[in-house]
PDB file of N, CA and C in Angstrom:
ATOM      1  N   UNK A   1     -28.999  39.025 -50.379  1.00  0.00           N
ATOM      2  CA  UNK A   1     -29.183  37.819 -49.593  1.00  0.00           C
ATOM      3  C   UNK A   1     -28.612  38.097 -48.214  1.00  0.00           C
ATOM      4  N   UNK A   2     -29.236  37.583 -47.186  1.00  0.00           N
ATOM      5  CA  UNK A   2     -28.811  37.819 -45.875  1.00  0.00           C
ATOM      6  C   UNK A   2     -28.156  36.554 -45.299  1.00  0.00           C
ATOM      7  N   UNK A   3     -27.220  36.671 -44.400  1.00  0.00           N
ATOM      8  CA  UNK A   3     -26.528  35.543 -43.786  1.00  0.00           C
ATOM      9  C   UNK A   3     -27.487  34.817 -42.854  1.00  0.00           C
ATOM     10  N   UNK A   4     -27.347  33.490 -42.767  1.00  0.00           N
ATOM     11  CA  UNK A   4     -28.208  32.760 -41.840  1.00  0.00           C
ATOM     12  C   UNK A   4     -27.913  33.145 -40.393  1.00  0.00           C
ATOM     13  N   UNK A   5     -28.880  33.119 -39.584  1.00  0.00           N
ATOM     14  CA  UNK A   5     -28.715  33.530 -38.149  1.00  0.00           C
ATOM     15  C   UNK A   5     -27.913  32.442 -37.458  1.00  0.00           C
ATOM     16  N   UNK A   6     -26.965  32.896 -36.626  1.00  0.00           N
ATOM     17  CA  UNK A   6     -26.143  31.955 -35.876  1.00  0.00           C
ATOM     18  C   UNK A   6     -26.907  31.652 -34.539  1.00  0.00           C
ATOM     19  N   UNK A   7     -26.678  30.396 -34.107  1.00  0.00           N
ATOM     20  CA  UNK A   7     -27.287  30.028 -32.835  1.00  0.00           C
ATOM     21  C   UNK A   7     -26.471  30.593 -31.707  1.00  0.00           C
ATOM     22  N   UNK A   8     -27.098  30.988 -30.676  1.00  0.00           N
ATOM     23  CA  UNK A   8     -26.403  31.584 -29.511  1.00  0.00           C
ATOM     24  C   UNK A   8     -25.499  30.515 -28.904  1.00  0.00           C
ATOM     25  N   UNK A   9     -24.269  30.891 -28.466  1.00  0.00           N
ATOM     26  CA  UNK A   9     -23.381  29.857 -27.835  1.00  0.00           C
ATOM     27  C   UNK A   9     -23.964  29.410 -26.526  1.00  0.00           C
ATOM     28  N   UNK A  10     -23.730  28.092 -26.251  1.00  0.00           N
ATOM     29  CA  UNK A  10     -24.234  27.523 -25.009  1.00  0.00           C
ATOM     30  C   UNK A  10     -23.394  28.012 -23.851  1.00  0.00           C
ATOM     31  N   UNK A  11     -24.021  28.347 -22.720  1.00  0.00           N
ATOM     32  CA  UNK A  11     -23.197  28.726 -21.555  1.00  0.00           C
ATOM     33  C   UNK A  11     -22.408  27.577 -21.031  1.00  0.00           C
ATOM     34  N   UNK A  12     -21.263  27.899 -20.390  1.00  0.00           N
ATOM     35  CA  UNK A  12     -20.389  26.849 -19.818  1.00  0.00           C
ATOM     36  C   UNK A  12     -21.102  26.136 -18.692  1.00  0.00           C
ATOM     37  N   UNK A  13     -20.823  24.855 -18.554  1.00  0.00           N
ATOM     38  CA  UNK A  13     -21.458  24.067 -17.540  1.00  0.00           C
ATOM     39  C   UNK A  13     -21.118  24.583 -16.155  1.00  0.00           C
ATOM     40  N   UNK A  14     -22.045  24.683 -15.290  1.00  0.00           N
ATOM     41  CA  UNK A  14     -21.807  25.150 -13.943  1.00  0.00           C
ATOM     42  C   UNK A  14     -21.147  24.034 -13.144  1.00  0.00           C
ATOM     43  N   UNK A  15     -20.262  24.417 -12.193  1.00  0.00           N
ATOM     44  CA  UNK A  15     -19.634  23.372 -11.336  1.00  0.00           C
ATOM     45  C   UNK A  15     -20.720  22.721 -10.452  1.00  0.00           C
ATOM     46  N   UNK A  16     -20.426  21.521 -10.008  1.00  0.00           N
ATOM     47  CA  UNK A  16     -21.405  20.845  -9.125  1.00  0.00           C
ATOM     48  C   UNK A  16     -21.665  21.704  -7.894  1.00  0.00           C
ATOM     49  N   UNK A  17     -22.858  21.537  -7.367  1.00  0.00           N
ATOM     50  CA  UNK A  17     -23.241  22.309  -6.197  1.00  0.00           C
ATOM     51  C   UNK A  17     -22.269  22.115  -5.037  1.00  0.00           C
ATOM     52  N   UNK A  18     -21.861  23.181  -4.417  1.00  0.00           N
ATOM     53  CA  UNK A  18     -20.978  23.112  -3.235  1.00  0.00           C
ATOM     54  C   UNK A  18     -19.521  23.270  -3.634  1.00  0.00           C
ATOM     55  N   UNK A  19     -19.122  23.235  -4.843  1.00  0.00           N
ATOM     56  CA  UNK A  19     -17.732  23.396  -5.242  1.00  0.00           C
ATOM     57  C   UNK A  19     -17.570  24.765  -5.849  1.00  0.00           C
ATOM     58  N   UNK A  20     -16.730  25.541  -5.257  1.00  0.00           N
ATOM     59  CA  UNK A  20     -16.400  26.876  -5.751  1.00  0.00           C
ATOM     60  C   UNK A  20     -15.284  26.754  -6.750  1.00  0.00           C
ATOM     61  N   UNK A  21     -15.063  27.809  -7.550  1.00  0.00           N
ATOM     62  CA  UNK A  21     -13.942  27.765  -8.489  1.00  0.00           C
ATOM     63  C   UNK A  21     -12.608  27.551  -7.799  1.00  0.00           C
ATOM     64  N   UNK A  22     -12.452  28.112  -6.589  1.00  0.00           N
ATOM     65  CA  UNK A  22     -11.203  27.911  -5.830  1.00  0.00           C
ATOM     66  C   UNK A  22     -11.028  26.431  -5.456  1.00  0.00           C
ATOM     67  N   UNK A  23     -12.111  25.841  -5.051  1.00  0.00           N
ATOM     68  CA  UNK A  23     -12.036  24.373  -4.660  1.00  0.00           C
ATOM     69  C   UNK A  23     -11.696  23.544  -5.866  1.00  0.00           C
ATOM     70  N   UNK A  24     -12.291  23.898  -6.998  1.00  0.00           N
ATOM     71  CA  UNK A  24     -11.987  23.118  -8.252  1.00  0.00           C
ATOM     72  C   UNK A  24     -10.516  23.345  -8.644  1.00  0.00           C
ATOM     73  N   UNK A  25      -9.974  24.530  -8.440  1.00  0.00           N
ATOM     74  CA  UNK A  25      -8.565  24.757  -8.725  1.00  0.00           C
ATOM     75  C   UNK A  25      -7.688  23.937  -7.828  1.00  0.00           C
ATOM     76  N   UNK A  26      -8.036  23.856  -6.581  1.00  0.00           N
ATOM     77  CA  UNK A  26      -7.262  23.036  -5.633  1.00  0.00           C
ATOM     78  C   UNK A  26      -7.270  21.605  -6.001  1.00  0.00           C
ATOM     79  N   UNK A  27      -8.479  21.085  -6.378  1.00  0.00           N
ATOM     80  CA  UNK A  27      -8.590  19.689  -6.812  1.00  0.00           C
ATOM     81  C   UNK A  27      -7.760  19.425  -8.067  1.00  0.00           C
ATOM     82  N   UNK A  28      -7.793  20.348  -8.976  1.00  0.00           N
ATOM     83  CA  UNK A  28      -7.027  20.160 -10.236  1.00  0.00           C
ATOM     84  C   UNK A  28      -5.542  20.164  -9.912  1.00  0.00           C
ATOM     85  N   UNK A  29      -5.110  21.055  -9.023  1.00  0.00           N
ATOM     86  CA  UNK A  29      -3.675  21.078  -8.689  1.00  0.00           C
ATOM     87  C   UNK A  29      -3.260  19.778  -7.962  1.00  0.00           C
ATOM     88  N   UNK A  30      -4.139  19.274  -7.103  1.00  0.00           N
ATOM     89  CA  UNK A  30      -3.799  17.996  -6.429  1.00  0.00           C
ATOM     90  C   UNK A  30      -3.733  16.870  -7.444  1.00  0.00           C
ATOM     91  N   UNK A  31      -4.601  16.826  -8.372  1.00  0.00           N
ATOM     92  CA  UNK A  31      -4.583  15.760  -9.385  1.00  0.00           C
ATOM     93  C   UNK A  31      -3.308  15.841 -10.221  1.00  0.00           C
ATOM     94  N   UNK A  32      -2.877  17.035 -10.543  1.00  0.00           N
ATOM     95  CA  UNK A  32      -1.621  17.187 -11.299  1.00  0.00           C
ATOM     96  C   UNK A  32      -0.431  16.750 -10.438  1.00  0.00           C
ATOM     97  N   UNK A  33      -0.444  17.114  -9.170  1.00  0.00           N
ATOM     98  CA  UNK A  33       0.677  16.814  -8.264  1.00  0.00           C
ATOM     99  C   UNK A  33       0.831  15.253  -8.091  1.00  0.00           C
ATOM    100  N   UNK A  34      -0.347  14.602  -7.965  1.00  0.00           N
ATOM    101  CA  UNK A  34      -0.301  13.172  -7.787  1.00  0.00           C
ATOM    102  C   UNK A  34       0.135  12.480  -9.065  1.00  0.00           C
ATOM    103  N   UNK A  35      -0.265  12.977 -10.168  1.00  0.00           N
ATOM    104  CA  UNK A  35       0.069  12.379 -11.468  1.00  0.00           C
ATOM    105  C   UNK A  35       1.571  12.545 -11.770  1.00  0.00           C
ATOM    106  N   UNK A  36       2.206  13.545 -11.214  1.00  0.00           N
ATOM    107  CA  UNK A  36       3.609  13.786 -11.480  1.00  0.00           C
ATOM    108  C   UNK A  36       4.533  13.324 -10.382  1.00  0.00           C
ATOM    109  N   UNK A  37       4.027  12.583  -9.414  1.00  0.00           N
ATOM    110  CA  UNK A  37       4.867  12.091  -8.319  1.00  0.00           C
ATOM    111  C   UNK A  37       5.884  11.092  -8.836  1.00  0.00           C
ATOM    112  N   UNK A  38       7.142  11.217  -8.432  1.00  0.00           N
ATOM    113  CA  UNK A  38       8.129  10.235  -8.903  1.00  0.00           C
ATOM    114  C   UNK A  38       7.957   8.901  -8.235  1.00  0.00           C
ATOM    115  N   UNK A  39       8.379   7.869  -8.902  1.00  0.00           N
ATOM    116  CA  UNK A  39       8.330   6.510  -8.396  1.00  0.00           C
ATOM    117  C   UNK A  39       9.754   6.029  -8.206  1.00  0.00           C
ATOM    118  N   UNK A  40      10.010   5.465  -7.026  1.00  0.00           N
ATOM    119  CA  UNK A  40      11.348   4.929  -6.755  1.00  0.00           C
ATOM    120  C   UNK A  40      11.250   3.408  -6.632  1.00  0.00           C
ATOM    121  N   UNK A  41      12.075   2.735  -7.398  1.00  0.00           N
ATOM    122  CA  UNK A  41      12.162   1.279  -7.335  1.00  0.00           C
ATOM    123  C   UNK A  41      13.465   0.865  -6.724  1.00  0.00           C
ATOM    124  N   UNK A  42      13.378   0.014  -5.698  1.00  0.00           N
ATOM    125  CA  UNK A  42      14.621  -0.438  -5.014  1.00  0.00           C
ATOM    126  C   UNK A  42      14.707  -1.930  -5.180  1.00  0.00           C
ATOM    127  N   UNK A  43      15.859  -2.441  -5.708  1.00  0.00           N
ATOM    128  CA  UNK A  43      16.062  -3.835  -5.901  1.00  0.00           C
ATOM    129  C   UNK A  43      16.939  -4.327  -4.764  1.00  0.00           C
ATOM    130  N   UNK A  44      16.440  -5.363  -4.084  1.00  0.00           N
ATOM    131  CA  UNK A  44      17.149  -5.944  -2.923  1.00  0.00           C
ATOM    132  C   UNK A  44      17.475  -7.385  -3.262  1.00  0.00           C
ATOM    133  N   UNK A  45      18.759  -7.708  -3.171  1.00  0.00           N
ATOM    134  CA  UNK A  45      19.157  -9.082  -3.413  1.00  0.00           C
ATOM    135  C   UNK A  45      18.945  -9.888  -2.157  1.00  0.00           C
ATOM    136  N   UNK A  46      18.660 -11.196  -2.306  1.00  0.00           N
ATOM    137  CA  UNK A  46      18.482 -12.032  -1.127  1.00  0.00           C
ATOM    138  C   UNK A  46      19.759 -12.134  -0.306  1.00  0.00           C
ATOM    139  N   UNK A  47      19.596 -12.223   0.993  1.00  0.00           N
ATOM    140  CA  UNK A  47      20.742 -12.355   1.922  1.00  0.00           C
ATOM    141  C   UNK A  47      20.703 -13.736   2.550  1.00  0.00           C
ATOM    142  N   UNK A  48      21.816 -14.447   2.546  1.00  0.00           N
ATOM    143  CA  UNK A  48      21.873 -15.744   3.209  1.00  0.00           C
ATOM    144  C   UNK A  48      22.577 -15.557   4.528  1.00  0.00           C
ATOM    145  N   UNK A  49      21.952 -15.996   5.573  1.00  0.00           N
ATOM    146  CA  UNK A  49      22.526 -15.897   6.900  1.00  0.00           C
ATOM    147  C   UNK A  49      22.782 -17.278   7.461  1.00  0.00           C
ATOM    148  N   UNK A  50      23.993 -17.547   7.868  1.00  0.00           N
ATOM    149  CA  UNK A  50      24.371 -18.793   8.450  1.00  0.00           C
ATOM    150  C   UNK A  50      24.528 -18.588   9.969  1.00  0.00           C
ATOM    151  N   UNK A  51      23.817 -19.376  10.747  1.00  0.00           N
ATOM    152  CA  UNK A  51      23.947 -19.229  12.164  1.00  0.00           C
ATOM    153  C   UNK A  51      23.982 -20.628  12.792  1.00  0.00           C
ATOM    154  N   UNK A  52      24.739 -20.746  13.853  1.00  0.00           N
ATOM    155  CA  UNK A  52      24.839 -22.033  14.533  1.00  0.00           C
ATOM    156  C   UNK A  52      23.878 -22.036  15.718  1.00  0.00           C
ATOM    157  N   UNK A  53      22.841 -22.856  15.577  1.00  0.00           N
ATOM    158  CA  UNK A  53      21.819 -22.886  16.598  1.00  0.00           C
ATOM    159  C   UNK A  53      21.739 -24.221  17.299  1.00  0.00           C
ATOM    160  N   UNK A  54      22.739 -25.047  17.131  1.00  0.00           N
ATOM    161  CA  UNK A  54      22.701 -26.430  17.632  1.00  0.00           C
ATOM    162  C   UNK A  54      22.461 -26.466  19.149  1.00  0.00           C
ATOM    163  N   UNK A  55      23.237 -25.709  19.895  1.00  0.00           N
ATOM    164  CA  UNK A  55      23.162 -25.789  21.357  1.00  0.00           C
ATOM    165  C   UNK A  55      21.771 -25.384  21.830  1.00  0.00           C
ATOM    166  N   UNK A  56      21.196 -24.345  21.306  1.00  0.00           N
ATOM    167  CA  UNK A  56      19.913 -23.861  21.764  1.00  0.00           C
ATOM    168  C   UNK A  56      18.814 -24.872  21.397  1.00  0.00           C
ATOM    169  N   UNK A  57      18.873 -25.411  20.202  1.00  0.00           N
ATOM    170  CA  UNK A  57      17.866 -26.404  19.724  1.00  0.00           C
ATOM    171  C   UNK A  57      17.943 -27.638  20.618  1.00  0.00           C
ATOM    172  N   UNK A  58      19.169 -28.133  20.892  1.00  0.00           N
ATOM    173  CA  UNK A  58      19.310 -29.322  21.731  1.00  0.00           C
ATOM    174  C   UNK A  58      18.769 -29.110  23.125  1.00  0.00           C
ATOM    175  N   UNK A  59      19.069 -27.951  23.731  1.00  0.00           N
ATOM    176  CA  UNK A  59      18.526 -27.678  25.076  1.00  0.00           C
ATOM    177  C   UNK A  59      17.032 -27.599  25.042  1.00  0.00           C
ATOM    178  N   UNK A  60      16.443 -26.990  24.011  1.00  0.00           N
ATOM    179  CA  UNK A  60      15.002 -26.893  23.923  1.00  0.00           C
ATOM    180  C   UNK A  60      14.379 -28.249  23.777  1.00  0.00           C
ATOM    181  N   UNK A  61      14.953 -29.101  22.881  1.00  0.00           N
ATOM    182  CA  UNK A  61      14.400 -30.447  22.695  1.00  0.00           C
ATOM    183  C   UNK A  61      14.535 -31.277  23.928  1.00  0.00           C
ATOM    184  N   UNK A  62      15.716 -31.150  24.649  1.00  0.00           N
ATOM    185  CA  UNK A  62      15.891 -31.909  25.906  1.00  0.00           C
ATOM    186  C   UNK A  62      14.840 -31.491  26.924  1.00  0.00           C
ATOM    187  N   UNK A  63      14.536 -30.211  27.037  1.00  0.00           N
ATOM    188  CA  UNK A  63      13.535 -29.751  27.983  1.00  0.00           C
ATOM    189  C   UNK A  63      12.144 -30.243  27.591  1.00  0.00           C
ATOM    190  N   UNK A  64      11.847 -30.234  26.266  1.00  0.00           N
ATOM    191  CA  UNK A  64      10.534 -30.710  25.815  1.00  0.00           C
ATOM    192  C   UNK A  64      10.371 -32.199  26.080  1.00  0.00           C
ATOM    193  N   UNK A  65      11.440 -32.991  25.892  1.00  0.00           N
ATOM    194  CA  UNK A  65      11.388 -34.429  26.167  1.00  0.00           C
ATOM    195  C   UNK A  65      11.188 -34.656  27.626  1.00  0.00           C
ATOM    196  N   UNK A  66      11.899 -33.934  28.493  1.00  0.00           N
ATOM    197  CA  UNK A  66      11.714 -34.075  29.942  1.00  0.00           C
ATOM    198  C   UNK A  66      10.296 -33.783  30.365  1.00  0.00           C
ATOM    199  N   UNK A  67       9.733 -32.685  29.794  1.00  0.00           N
ATOM    200  CA  UNK A  67       8.341 -32.339  30.131  1.00  0.00           C
ATOM    201  C   UNK A  67       7.358 -33.402  29.693  1.00  0.00           C
ATOM    202  N   UNK A  68       7.581 -33.969  28.503  1.00  0.00           N
ATOM    203  CA  UNK A  68       6.692 -35.037  27.988  1.00  0.00           C
ATOM    204  C   UNK A  68       6.792 -36.276  28.915  1.00  0.00           C
ATOM    205  N   UNK A  69       8.001 -36.627  29.328  1.00  0.00           N
ATOM    206  CA  UNK A  69       8.170 -37.825  30.159  1.00  0.00           C
ATOM    207  C   UNK A  69       7.501 -37.610  31.509  1.00  0.00           C
ATOM    208  N   UNK A  70       7.598 -36.381  32.048  1.00  0.00           N
ATOM    209  CA  UNK A  70       6.938 -36.083  33.332  1.00  0.00           C
ATOM    210  C   UNK A  70       5.406 -36.158  33.205  1.00  0.00           C
ATOM    211  N   UNK A  71       4.898 -35.680  32.071  1.00  0.00           N
ATOM    212  CA  UNK A  71       3.421 -35.731  31.884  1.00  0.00           C
ATOM    213  C   UNK A  71       2.936 -37.149  31.598  1.00  0.00           C
ATOM    214  N   UNK A  72       3.759 -37.924  30.865  1.00  0.00           N
ATOM    215  CA  UNK A  72       3.383 -39.266  30.461  1.00  0.00           C
ATOM    216  C   UNK A  72       4.445 -40.265  30.931  1.00  0.00           C
ATOM    217  N   UNK A  73       4.498 -40.652  32.168  1.00  0.00           N
ATOM    218  CA  UNK A  73       5.548 -41.547  32.619  1.00  0.00           C
ATOM    219  C   UNK A  73       5.541 -42.960  31.989  1.00  0.00           C
ATOM    220  N   UNK A  74       4.435 -43.361  31.423  1.00  0.00           N
ATOM    221  CA  UNK A  74       4.326 -44.674  30.768  1.00  0.00           C
ATOM    222  C   UNK A  74       4.664 -44.602  29.271  1.00  0.00           C
ATOM    223  N   UNK A  75       5.210 -43.492  28.848  1.00  0.00           N
ATOM    224  CA  UNK A  75       5.487 -43.296  27.415  1.00  0.00           C
ATOM    225  C   UNK A  75       6.577 -44.241  26.974  1.00  0.00           C
ATOM    226  N   UNK A  76       7.584 -44.506  27.763  1.00  0.00           N
ATOM    227  CA  UNK A  76       8.697 -45.381  27.329  1.00  0.00           C
ATOM    228  C   UNK A  76       8.672 -46.672  28.141  1.00  0.00           C
TER     229      UNK A  76
END
């Protein structure tokens, strides 16, 4: 009795046109490098800032009121 004939192995798939084996190696290395990049998480607590802005706000409002009165003298 003879052994059944084996099918010939299929050739490996050719790379897409325009990509050389060196280019594929570079792409594979880049994919591995990106996949292994470390991730840094930074936790920042909120900061409360107290500032006294009364004088500046009052001067600004006073100037705004003066401008409005000059533009509209019949306002009051």
